[in-house]
N, C-alpha and C. Protein backbone atom coordinates (compact mmCIF):
# COMPACT_ATOMS: atom_id res chain seq x y z
N UNK A 1 42.93 -22.31 57.95
CA UNK A 1 43.74 -21.41 57.46
C UNK A 1 44.33 -20.17 58.48
N UNK A 2 45.48 -19.93 58.32
CA UNK A 2 45.98 -18.84 59.30
C UNK A 2 46.63 -17.94 58.77
N UNK A 3 45.74 -16.74 58.60
CA UNK A 3 46.20 -15.51 57.88
C UNK A 3 46.39 -14.57 58.55
N UNK A 4 47.63 -13.58 58.48
CA UNK A 4 48.19 -12.87 59.27
C UNK A 4 48.22 -11.68 58.53
N UNK A 5 47.76 -10.39 59.06
CA UNK A 5 47.48 -9.05 58.28
C UNK A 5 48.51 -8.20 59.08
N UNK A 6 49.06 -7.16 58.45
CA UNK A 6 49.80 -6.38 59.14
C UNK A 6 49.26 -4.89 58.82
N UNK A 7 49.68 -3.78 59.18
CA UNK A 7 49.01 -2.56 59.00
C UNK A 7 50.18 -1.90 57.67
N UNK A 8 49.48 -1.26 56.89
CA UNK A 8 50.17 -1.01 55.88
C UNK A 8 51.05 0.36 56.18
N UNK A 9 52.49 0.51 56.05
CA UNK A 9 53.21 1.22 56.32
C UNK A 9 53.77 1.97 54.98
N UNK A 10 53.36 3.04 54.53
CA UNK A 10 53.96 3.97 53.44
C UNK A 10 55.58 4.02 53.42
N UNK A 11 56.14 4.03 52.64
CA UNK A 11 57.72 3.95 52.57
C UNK A 11 57.93 5.56 52.86
N UNK A 12 59.17 5.47 53.64
CA UNK A 12 59.32 6.95 54.15
C UNK A 12 59.82 7.77 52.95
N UNK A 13 59.31 9.08 52.95
CA UNK A 13 59.71 10.11 51.86
C UNK A 13 61.26 10.68 51.91
N UNK A 14 61.85 10.91 51.13
CA UNK A 14 63.38 11.52 51.23
C UNK A 14 63.11 12.81 51.35
N UNK A 15 64.16 13.60 51.70
CA UNK A 15 63.72 15.31 51.63
C UNK A 15 63.37 15.79 50.78
N UNK A 16 63.32 15.58 49.38
CA UNK A 16 63.20 16.17 48.55
C UNK A 16 61.27 15.93 48.30
N UNK A 17 60.64 16.72 47.50
CA UNK A 17 59.00 17.08 47.45
C UNK A 17 58.80 15.71 46.28
N UNK A 18 57.56 15.33 46.89
CA UNK A 18 56.91 13.92 46.18
C UNK A 18 56.90 14.03 44.75
N UNK A 19 56.92 15.23 44.03
CA UNK A 19 56.75 15.41 42.33
C UNK A 19 58.12 15.40 41.80
N UNK A 20 59.20 15.69 43.00
CA UNK A 20 60.51 15.67 42.41
C UNK A 20 60.97 14.19 42.45
N UNK A 21 60.58 13.45 43.74
CA UNK A 21 60.72 11.88 43.46
C UNK A 21 60.31 11.28 42.39
N UNK A 22 59.22 11.60 41.97
CA UNK A 22 58.84 10.87 40.62
C UNK A 22 58.94 11.35 39.19
N UNK A 23 59.68 12.66 39.43
CA UNK A 23 60.20 13.20 38.17
C UNK A 23 59.62 14.27 37.20
N UNK A 24 58.60 14.93 38.17
CA UNK A 24 57.45 15.90 37.18
C UNK A 24 57.51 17.04 38.12
N UNK A 25 57.53 18.23 37.47
CA UNK A 25 57.10 19.58 38.45
C UNK A 25 55.81 19.42 38.92
N UNK A 26 55.66 20.14 40.43
CA UNK A 26 54.45 19.79 40.77
C UNK A 26 53.34 20.81 40.39
N UNK A 27 53.65 21.93 39.50
CA UNK A 27 52.90 22.67 38.77
C UNK A 27 53.45 23.66 37.83
N UNK A 28 52.76 24.45 37.01
CA UNK A 28 53.11 25.72 36.30
C UNK A 28 53.45 25.36 35.10
N UNK A 29 53.99 26.09 34.30
CA UNK A 29 54.13 26.12 32.89
C UNK A 29 54.88 24.70 32.56
N UNK A 30 56.07 24.50 33.42
CA UNK A 30 56.91 23.01 32.71
C UNK A 30 55.95 21.78 32.93
N UNK A 31 55.40 21.97 33.97
CA UNK A 31 54.20 20.53 34.04
C UNK A 31 53.43 20.65 32.74
N UNK A 32 52.76 21.75 32.34
CA UNK A 32 51.81 21.83 31.32
C UNK A 32 52.49 21.45 30.31
N UNK A 33 53.58 21.95 29.75
CA UNK A 33 54.45 21.52 28.63
C UNK A 33 54.88 19.84 28.71
N UNK A 34 54.98 19.41 29.73
CA UNK A 34 55.43 17.58 29.88
C UNK A 34 54.16 17.07 29.84
N UNK A 35 53.19 17.59 30.28
CA UNK A 35 51.64 16.66 29.98
C UNK A 35 51.24 16.76 28.64
N UNK A 36 51.49 18.12 27.81
CA UNK A 36 51.49 17.97 26.51
C UNK A 36 52.06 17.32 25.40
N UNK A 37 53.16 17.32 25.96
CA UNK A 37 54.38 16.12 25.43
C UNK A 37 53.85 14.62 25.47
N UNK A 38 53.33 14.46 26.82
CA UNK A 38 53.28 13.01 27.35
C UNK A 38 54.05 12.67 28.24
N UNK A 39 53.66 12.07 29.31
CA UNK A 39 54.14 11.52 30.54
C UNK A 39 55.19 10.60 30.39
N UNK A 40 56.32 10.87 30.70
CA UNK A 40 57.61 9.72 30.28
C UNK A 40 57.29 8.57 31.01
N UNK A 41 57.49 7.27 30.62
CA UNK A 41 57.28 6.10 31.29
C UNK A 41 58.32 5.95 32.32
N UNK A 42 59.58 6.58 32.81
CA UNK A 42 60.29 6.51 33.77
C UNK A 42 59.44 7.13 35.01
N UNK A 43 58.39 7.77 34.84
CA UNK A 43 57.49 8.45 35.84
C UNK A 43 56.67 7.39 36.44
N UNK A 44 56.38 6.25 35.74
CA UNK A 44 55.55 4.99 35.97
C UNK A 44 56.36 4.26 37.33
N UNK A 45 57.32 3.83 36.93
CA UNK A 45 58.25 2.90 38.15
C UNK A 45 58.41 3.96 38.90
N UNK A 46 58.89 4.96 39.11
CA UNK A 46 59.21 6.01 40.26
C UNK A 46 58.06 6.18 41.26
N UNK A 47 56.63 6.05 40.55
CA UNK A 47 55.56 6.15 41.13
C UNK A 47 55.31 5.07 42.10
N UNK A 48 55.33 3.82 41.48
CA UNK A 48 55.44 2.26 41.97
C UNK A 48 56.29 2.55 43.13
N UNK A 49 57.63 2.89 42.81
CA UNK A 49 58.62 3.03 44.22
C UNK A 49 58.08 3.89 45.45
N UNK A 50 57.79 5.44 45.05
CA UNK A 50 57.32 6.23 45.96
C UNK A 50 56.07 5.77 46.64
N UNK A 51 55.22 5.37 46.17
CA UNK A 51 53.95 4.70 46.95
C UNK A 51 54.11 3.35 47.43
N UNK A 52 55.19 2.46 47.24
CA UNK A 52 55.18 1.29 47.86
C UNK A 52 54.45 0.54 47.22
N UNK A 53 53.90 0.60 46.06
CA UNK A 53 52.64 -0.49 45.59
C UNK A 53 53.86 -0.94 44.03
N UNK A 54 53.49 -2.24 44.10
CA UNK A 54 53.94 -3.26 43.06
C UNK A 54 53.51 -2.61 41.65
N UNK A 55 54.50 -2.48 40.73
CA UNK A 55 53.83 -2.05 39.02
C UNK A 55 52.72 -2.58 38.78
N UNK A 56 52.60 -3.92 38.75
CA UNK A 56 51.58 -4.67 38.07
C UNK A 56 50.30 -4.43 38.81
N UNK A 57 50.36 -4.35 39.95
CA UNK A 57 49.15 -3.96 40.85
C UNK A 57 48.77 -2.48 40.59
N UNK A 58 49.86 -1.48 40.44
CA UNK A 58 49.37 -0.23 40.27
C UNK A 58 48.88 0.03 39.13
N UNK A 59 49.14 -0.90 37.90
CA UNK A 59 48.58 -0.90 36.66
C UNK A 59 47.12 -1.45 36.47
N UNK A 60 46.86 -2.20 37.52
CA UNK A 60 45.36 -2.72 37.86
C UNK A 60 44.68 -1.78 38.37
N UNK A 61 45.11 -0.89 39.13
CA UNK A 61 44.51 0.24 39.87
C UNK A 61 43.99 1.32 39.01
N UNK A 62 44.91 1.61 37.82
CA UNK A 62 44.42 2.77 37.11
C UNK A 62 43.99 2.27 35.59
N UNK A 63 43.96 0.95 35.66
CA UNK A 63 43.29 0.26 34.31
C UNK A 63 44.28 0.61 33.26
N UNK A 64 45.48 0.05 33.25
CA UNK A 64 46.38 0.42 32.10
C UNK A 64 46.94 -1.27 31.71
N UNK A 65 46.69 -1.62 30.98
CA UNK A 65 46.60 -3.12 30.32
C UNK A 65 48.40 -2.98 29.98
N UNK A 66 48.82 -4.59 30.63
CA UNK A 66 50.42 -4.55 30.80
C UNK A 66 50.85 -4.44 29.29
N UNK A 67 50.12 -4.79 28.36
CA UNK A 67 51.04 -4.69 26.68
C UNK A 67 50.86 -3.05 26.61
N UNK A 68 50.24 -1.90 27.01
CA UNK A 68 50.60 -0.73 27.13
C UNK A 68 51.71 -0.47 27.73
N UNK A 69 51.80 -0.78 29.07
CA UNK A 69 52.83 -0.98 29.90
C UNK A 69 54.35 -1.16 29.09
N UNK A 70 54.29 -1.98 28.61
CA UNK A 70 55.35 -2.59 27.79
C UNK A 70 55.78 -1.89 26.57
N UNK A 71 54.70 -1.44 25.80
CA UNK A 71 54.73 -0.47 24.90
C UNK A 71 55.57 0.64 25.13
N UNK A 72 54.93 1.30 26.30
CA UNK A 72 55.23 2.52 26.57
C UNK A 72 56.86 2.88 27.08
N UNK A 73 57.13 1.43 27.63
CA UNK A 73 58.80 1.27 28.00
C UNK A 73 59.65 1.36 27.16
N UNK A 74 59.04 0.75 25.84
CA UNK A 74 59.90 0.54 24.63
C UNK A 74 59.85 1.98 23.71
N UNK A 75 58.63 2.34 23.53
CA UNK A 75 58.36 3.56 22.34
C UNK A 75 58.52 4.66 22.74
N UNK A 76 58.06 5.09 24.01
CA UNK A 76 58.01 6.37 24.46
C UNK A 76 56.80 6.90 25.82
N UNK A 77 56.63 8.08 25.79
CA UNK A 77 55.52 8.46 26.71
C UNK A 77 54.18 8.17 26.67
N UNK A 78 53.40 8.14 27.99
CA UNK A 78 52.12 7.92 27.85
C UNK A 78 51.43 9.13 27.24
N UNK A 79 50.47 8.81 26.24
CA UNK A 79 49.90 9.96 25.48
C UNK A 79 48.25 9.86 25.95
N UNK A 80 47.68 11.23 25.71
CA UNK A 80 46.37 11.21 25.77
C UNK A 80 45.65 10.18 26.72
N UNK A 81 44.68 9.09 26.58
CA UNK A 81 44.23 8.43 27.63
C UNK A 81 45.10 7.63 28.50
N UNK A 82 46.33 7.47 28.11
CA UNK A 82 47.34 6.76 29.22
C UNK A 82 47.86 7.71 30.07
N UNK A 83 47.83 8.91 29.83
CA UNK A 83 48.57 9.99 30.89
C UNK A 83 47.74 10.16 31.82
N UNK A 84 46.33 10.33 31.90
CA UNK A 84 45.37 11.04 32.90
C UNK A 84 45.46 9.99 33.96
N UNK A 85 45.37 8.72 33.62
CA UNK A 85 45.25 7.64 35.16
C UNK A 85 46.62 7.91 35.52
N UNK A 86 47.49 8.16 35.05
CA UNK A 86 49.04 8.01 35.77
C UNK A 86 49.09 9.27 36.62
N UNK A 87 48.71 10.41 36.08
CA UNK A 87 48.60 11.84 36.82
C UNK A 87 47.54 12.05 37.84
N UNK A 88 46.46 11.08 37.40
CA UNK A 88 45.48 11.01 38.64
C UNK A 88 46.21 10.34 39.71
N UNK A 89 46.73 8.88 39.30
CA UNK A 89 47.09 8.27 40.54
C UNK A 89 48.04 8.97 41.20
N UNK A 90 49.06 9.65 40.67
CA UNK A 90 50.10 10.76 41.30
C UNK A 90 49.46 11.45 42.34
N UNK A 91 48.55 12.15 41.75
CA UNK A 91 47.64 13.10 43.38
C UNK A 91 47.11 12.56 43.77
N UNK A 92 46.54 11.49 43.93
CA UNK A 92 45.99 10.41 45.10
C UNK A 92 47.10 9.87 45.72
N UNK A 93 47.99 9.55 45.50
CA UNK A 93 49.19 9.12 46.36
C UNK A 93 49.89 10.22 47.21
N UNK A 94 50.26 11.24 46.37
CA UNK A 94 50.49 12.50 47.02
C UNK A 94 49.61 13.02 48.31
N UNK A 95 48.41 13.09 47.79
CA UNK A 95 47.42 13.61 48.87
C UNK A 95 47.51 12.65 49.59
N UNK A 96 47.46 11.42 49.73
CA UNK A 96 47.37 10.29 50.68
C UNK A 96 48.47 10.35 51.39
N UNK A 97 49.77 10.54 51.03
CA UNK A 97 51.07 10.58 51.79
C UNK A 97 50.88 12.05 52.69
N UNK A 98 50.67 12.97 52.14
CA UNK A 98 50.52 14.21 52.83
C UNK A 98 49.44 14.04 54.07
N UNK A 99 48.25 13.14 54.12
CA UNK A 99 47.46 13.18 55.10
C UNK A 99 48.02 12.24 56.22
N UNK A 100 48.70 11.24 55.66
CA UNK A 100 49.50 10.35 56.81
C UNK A 100 50.40 10.84 57.53
N UNK A 101 51.19 11.99 56.83
CA UNK A 101 52.47 12.54 57.33
C UNK A 101 51.79 13.57 58.57
N UNK A 102 50.48 14.08 58.01
CA UNK A 102 49.91 14.96 59.10
C UNK A 102 49.98 16.63 58.06
């Protein structure tokens, strides 16, 4: 079996900041209000796009069942337990992108 591996290349960031790209404020009162209300589902696909990770793989990494993702896409924002892994992953991806870029 001949397997070829290539080095991971994160997608290039656009001029705006990471948090703007995924649709969340980086900090402050506005972020706290959004977190209290629940993280909008639209943040999840944006996070997958910015990180360069497929949405299904991203769900496995943060342990979000596919049924939960489907429900959030139809019903509304991630609440309580669902928003914590999404926000944590945002921070990890943002931190990793910053360390790669220098």
